[in-house]
PDB file of N, CA and C in Angstrom:
ATOM      1  N   UNK A   1      32.391   7.268  -1.804  1.00  0.00           N
ATOM      2  CA  UNK A   1      31.418   5.922  -2.474  1.00  0.00           C
ATOM      3  C   UNK A   1      30.760   5.878  -0.438  1.00  0.00           C
ATOM      4  N   UNK A   2      31.230   5.840   0.493  1.00  0.00           N
ATOM      5  CA  UNK A   2      30.498   5.463   1.647  1.00  0.00           C
ATOM      6  C   UNK A   2      29.544   6.489   1.787  1.00  0.00           C
ATOM      7  N   UNK A   3      29.465   8.003   1.115  1.00  0.00           N
ATOM      8  CA  UNK A   3      28.330   8.995   1.600  1.00  0.00           C
ATOM      9  C   UNK A   3      27.425   8.646   0.238  1.00  0.00           C
ATOM     10  N   UNK A   4      27.454   7.765  -0.883  1.00  0.00           N
ATOM     11  CA  UNK A   4      26.762   7.206  -1.512  1.00  0.00           C
ATOM     12  C   UNK A   4      25.782   6.429  -1.247  1.00  0.00           C
ATOM     13  N   UNK A   5      26.843   5.483  -0.905  1.00  0.00           N
ATOM     14  CA  UNK A   5      25.904   4.518  -0.237  1.00  0.00           C
ATOM     15  C   UNK A   5      24.905   4.838   0.385  1.00  0.00           C
ATOM     16  N   UNK A   6      25.212   5.459   1.725  1.00  0.00           N
ATOM     17  CA  UNK A   6      24.495   6.022   3.293  1.00  0.00           C
ATOM     18  C   UNK A   6      22.996   6.610   2.168  1.00  0.00           C
ATOM     19  N   UNK A   7      23.217   7.598   1.236  1.00  0.00           N
ATOM     20  CA  UNK A   7      22.113   8.019   0.733  1.00  0.00           C
ATOM     21  C   UNK A   7      21.322   7.106  -0.126  1.00  0.00           C
ATOM     22  N   UNK A   8      21.850   5.868  -1.128  1.00  0.00           N
ATOM     23  CA  UNK A   8      21.403   5.252  -1.351  1.00  0.00           C
ATOM     24  C   UNK A   8      20.330   4.375  -0.712  1.00  0.00           C
ATOM     25  N   UNK A   9      21.437   3.901   0.530  1.00  0.00           N
ATOM     26  CA  UNK A   9      20.295   3.042   1.364  1.00  0.00           C
ATOM     27  C   UNK A   9      19.307   3.492   2.160  1.00  0.00           C
ATOM     28  N   UNK A  10      19.482   5.136   2.505  1.00  0.00           N
ATOM     29  CA  UNK A  10      18.889   5.621   3.428  1.00  0.00           C
ATOM     30  C   UNK A  10      17.397   5.842   2.181  1.00  0.00           C
ATOM     31  N   UNK A  11      17.392   6.379   1.067  1.00  0.00           N
ATOM     32  CA  UNK A  11      16.541   6.553   0.267  1.00  0.00           C
ATOM     33  C   UNK A  11      15.279   4.893   0.082  1.00  0.00           C
ATOM     34  N   UNK A  12      16.187   4.186   0.013  1.00  0.00           N
ATOM     35  CA  UNK A  12      15.839   2.606  -0.138  1.00  0.00           C
ATOM     36  C   UNK A  12      15.050   2.674   0.838  1.00  0.00           C
ATOM     37  N   UNK A  13      15.285   2.560   2.063  1.00  0.00           N
ATOM     38  CA  UNK A  13      14.183   2.589   3.359  1.00  0.00           C
ATOM     39  C   UNK A  13      13.160   3.298   3.454  1.00  0.00           C
ATOM     40  N   UNK A  14      13.448   4.248   3.309  1.00  0.00           N
ATOM     41  CA  UNK A  14      12.282   5.338   3.343  1.00  0.00           C
ATOM     42  C   UNK A  14      11.345   4.995   2.255  1.00  0.00           C
ATOM     43  N   UNK A  15      11.892   4.318   0.741  1.00  0.00           N
ATOM     44  CA  UNK A  15      10.935   3.672  -0.305  1.00  0.00           C
ATOM     45  C   UNK A  15      10.217   2.735   0.507  1.00  0.00           C
ATOM     46  N   UNK A  16      10.929   1.823   1.050  1.00  0.00           N
ATOM     47  CA  UNK A  16      10.140   0.391   1.635  1.00  0.00           C
ATOM     48  C   UNK A  16       8.942   0.892   2.537  1.00  0.00           C
ATOM     49  N   UNK A  17       9.447   1.675   3.793  1.00  0.00           N
ATOM     50  CA  UNK A  17       8.433   1.932   4.502  1.00  0.00           C
ATOM     51  C   UNK A  17       7.578   2.877   3.747  1.00  0.00           C
ATOM     52  N   UNK A  18       7.360   3.655   2.927  1.00  0.00           N
ATOM     53  CA  UNK A  18       6.430   4.266   2.470  1.00  0.00           C
ATOM     54  C   UNK A  18       5.889   3.045   1.852  1.00  0.00           C
ATOM     55  N   UNK A  19       6.475   2.425   1.134  1.00  0.00           N
ATOM     56  CA  UNK A  19       5.262   1.288   0.351  1.00  0.00           C
ATOM     57  C   UNK A  19       4.609   0.330   1.123  1.00  0.00           C
ATOM     58  N   UNK A  20       4.970  -0.037   2.277  1.00  0.00           N
ATOM     59  CA  UNK A  20       4.814  -0.748   3.764  1.00  0.00           C
ATOM     60  C   UNK A  20       3.663   0.206   4.120  1.00  0.00           C
ATOM     61  N   UNK A  21       3.530   0.909   4.049  1.00  0.00           N
ATOM     62  CA  UNK A  21       2.120   1.679   5.364  1.00  0.00           C
ATOM     63  C   UNK A  21       1.205   1.787   4.424  1.00  0.00           C
ATOM     64  N   UNK A  22       1.851   2.385   2.713  1.00  0.00           N
ATOM     65  CA  UNK A  22       0.901   2.254   1.744  1.00  0.00           C
ATOM     66  C   UNK A  22      -0.210   0.730   1.508  1.00  0.00           C
ATOM     67  N   UNK A  23       0.349  -0.123   1.767  1.00  0.00           N
ATOM     68  CA  UNK A  23       0.144  -1.281   1.065  1.00  0.00           C
ATOM     69  C   UNK A  23      -0.730  -2.042   2.940  1.00  0.00           C
ATOM     70  N   UNK A  24      -0.551  -1.367   4.137  1.00  0.00           N
ATOM     71  CA  UNK A  24      -1.197  -1.394   4.982  1.00  0.00           C
ATOM     72  C   UNK A  24      -2.393  -0.830   4.917  1.00  0.00           C
ATOM     73  N   UNK A  25      -2.621   0.473   4.613  1.00  0.00           N
ATOM     74  CA  UNK A  25      -3.633   1.136   4.976  1.00  0.00           C
ATOM     75  C   UNK A  25      -4.391   0.517   3.584  1.00  0.00           C
ATOM     76  N   UNK A  26      -4.126   0.541   2.522  1.00  0.00           N
ATOM     77  CA  UNK A  26      -5.210   0.191   1.548  1.00  0.00           C
ATOM     78  C   UNK A  26      -5.697  -1.627   2.211  1.00  0.00           C
ATOM     79  N   UNK A  27      -4.917  -2.396   2.763  1.00  0.00           N
ATOM     80  CA  UNK A  27      -5.537  -3.265   3.251  1.00  0.00           C
ATOM     81  C   UNK A  27      -6.373  -3.405   4.336  1.00  0.00           C
ATOM     82  N   UNK A  28      -6.250  -2.151   4.966  1.00  0.00           N
ATOM     83  CA  UNK A  28      -7.099  -1.503   6.144  1.00  0.00           C
ATOM     84  C   UNK A  28      -8.330  -1.231   5.168  1.00  0.00           C
ATOM     85  N   UNK A  29      -8.171  -0.864   4.421  1.00  0.00           N
ATOM     86  CA  UNK A  29      -9.664   0.182   3.432  1.00  0.00           C
ATOM     87  C   UNK A  29     -10.092  -0.837   2.739  1.00  0.00           C
ATOM     88  N   UNK A  30      -9.640  -1.643   2.185  1.00  0.00           N
ATOM     89  CA  UNK A  30     -10.132  -3.270   1.699  1.00  0.00           C
ATOM     90  C   UNK A  30     -10.719  -3.924   2.060  1.00  0.00           C
ATOM     91  N   UNK A  31     -10.357  -4.200   3.675  1.00  0.00           N
ATOM     92  CA  UNK A  31     -11.264  -4.951   4.651  1.00  0.00           C
ATOM     93  C   UNK A  31     -12.628  -3.974   4.839  1.00  0.00           C
ATOM     94  N   UNK A  32     -12.364  -2.724   5.681  1.00  0.00           N
ATOM     95  CA  UNK A  32     -13.295  -2.137   5.956  1.00  0.00           C
ATOM     96  C   UNK A  32     -14.589  -2.055   4.674  1.00  0.00           C
ATOM     97  N   UNK A  33     -13.926  -2.207   3.614  1.00  0.00           N
ATOM     98  CA  UNK A  33     -15.025  -1.742   2.447  1.00  0.00           C
ATOM     99  C   UNK A  33     -15.647  -3.375   1.987  1.00  0.00           C
ATOM    100  N   UNK A  34     -15.033  -4.335   1.909  1.00  0.00           N
ATOM    101  CA  UNK A  34     -15.527  -5.544   1.864  1.00  0.00           C
ATOM    102  C   UNK A  34     -16.627  -6.328   3.072  1.00  0.00           C
ATOM    103  N   UNK A  35     -16.136  -5.398   4.277  1.00  0.00           N
ATOM    104  CA  UNK A  35     -17.154  -5.906   5.337  1.00  0.00           C
ATOM    105  C   UNK A  35     -18.161  -5.186   5.485  1.00  0.00           C
ATOM    106  N   UNK A  36     -18.166  -3.609   4.724  1.00  0.00           N
ATOM    107  CA  UNK A  36     -19.198  -2.698   4.312  1.00  0.00           C
ATOM    108  C   UNK A  36     -20.069  -3.510   2.872  1.00  0.00           C
ATOM    109  N   UNK A  37     -19.999  -3.886   2.326  1.00  0.00           N
ATOM    110  CA  UNK A  37     -20.941  -4.336   0.989  1.00  0.00           C
ATOM    111  C   UNK A  37     -20.544  -5.705   0.687  1.00  0.00           C
ATOM    112  N   UNK A  38     -20.499  -7.068   1.540  1.00  0.00           N
ATOM    113  CA  UNK A  38     -20.534  -8.336   1.148  1.00  0.00           C
ATOM    114  C   UNK A  38     -21.180  -8.828   0.170  1.00  0.00           C
ATOM    115  N   UNK A  39     -22.336  -8.478  -0.017  1.00  0.00           N
ATOM    116  CA  UNK A  39     -23.110  -8.864  -0.831  1.00  0.00           C
ATOM    117  C   UNK A  39     -23.655  -7.999  -1.920  1.00  0.00           C
ATOM    118  N   UNK A  40     -22.471  -6.980  -2.141  1.00  0.00           N
ATOM    119  CA  UNK A  40     -22.417  -6.197  -3.757  1.00  0.00           C
ATOM    120  C   UNK A  40     -21.543  -6.550  -4.197  1.00  0.00           C
ATOM    121  N   UNK A  41     -21.478  -6.059  -5.503  1.00  0.00           N
ATOM    122  CA  UNK A  41     -20.459  -6.563  -6.305  1.00  0.00           C
ATOM    123  C   UNK A  41     -19.146  -5.374  -6.819  1.00  0.00           C
ATOM    124  N   UNK A  42     -19.616  -4.434  -5.804  1.00  0.00           N
ATOM    125  CA  UNK A  42     -18.885  -3.304  -5.558  1.00  0.00           C
ATOM    126  C   UNK A  42     -17.100  -3.722  -5.863  1.00  0.00           C
ATOM    127  N   UNK A  43     -17.083  -4.713  -4.792  1.00  0.00           N
ATOM    128  CA  UNK A  43     -15.582  -4.915  -4.379  1.00  0.00           C
ATOM    129  C   UNK A  43     -14.745  -5.119  -5.310  1.00  0.00           C
ATOM    130  N   UNK A  44     -15.378  -5.318  -6.915  1.00  0.00           N
ATOM    131  CA  UNK A  44     -14.504  -6.129  -8.268  1.00  0.00           C
ATOM    132  C   UNK A  44     -14.349  -4.471  -8.499  1.00  0.00           C
ATOM    133  N   UNK A  45     -14.790  -3.501  -8.873  1.00  0.00           N
ATOM    134  CA  UNK A  45     -14.657  -2.534  -8.970  1.00  0.00           C
ATOM    135  C   UNK A  45     -13.637  -1.604  -7.714  1.00  0.00           C
ATOM    136  N   UNK A  46     -14.007  -1.744  -6.560  1.00  0.00           N
ATOM    137  CA  UNK A  46     -12.223  -1.342  -6.166  1.00  0.00           C
ATOM    138  C   UNK A  46     -11.270  -1.861  -6.235  1.00  0.00           C
ATOM    139  N   UNK A  47     -11.084  -3.085  -6.854  1.00  0.00           N
ATOM    140  CA  UNK A  47     -10.062  -3.992  -6.980  1.00  0.00           C
ATOM    141  C   UNK A  47      -9.673  -3.047  -8.551  1.00  0.00           C
ATOM    142  N   UNK A  48     -10.074  -2.867  -9.468  1.00  0.00           N
ATOM    143  CA  UNK A  48      -9.887  -2.376 -10.418  1.00  0.00           C
ATOM    144  C   UNK A  48      -9.266  -0.671 -10.186  1.00  0.00           C
ATOM    145  N   UNK A  49     -10.078  -0.230  -9.013  1.00  0.00           N
ATOM    146  CA  UNK A  49      -9.663   0.883  -8.715  1.00  0.00           C
ATOM    147  C   UNK A  49      -8.250   0.774  -8.200  1.00  0.00           C
ATOM    148  N   UNK A  50      -8.047   0.075  -7.506  1.00  0.00           N
ATOM    149  CA  UNK A  50      -6.688  -0.083  -6.665  1.00  0.00           C
ATOM    150  C   UNK A  50      -5.823  -0.458  -7.689  1.00  0.00           C
ATOM    151  N   UNK A  51      -5.913  -1.193  -8.344  1.00  0.00           N
ATOM    152  CA  UNK A  51      -4.580  -1.609  -9.636  1.00  0.00           C
ATOM    153  C   UNK A  51      -4.479  -1.073 -10.607  1.00  0.00           C
TER     154      UNK A  51
END
């Protein structure tokens, strides 16, 4: 039971770390993209591509 719990907690922590790093990378890319094309309407397309 404890071993199973350890494995579950381990996978949960790994998944949380992965999602956090992914969201941080996406935010950085999004900020760079918006700074690159503030006057364009491409950011709407980029948002659609993200979701």
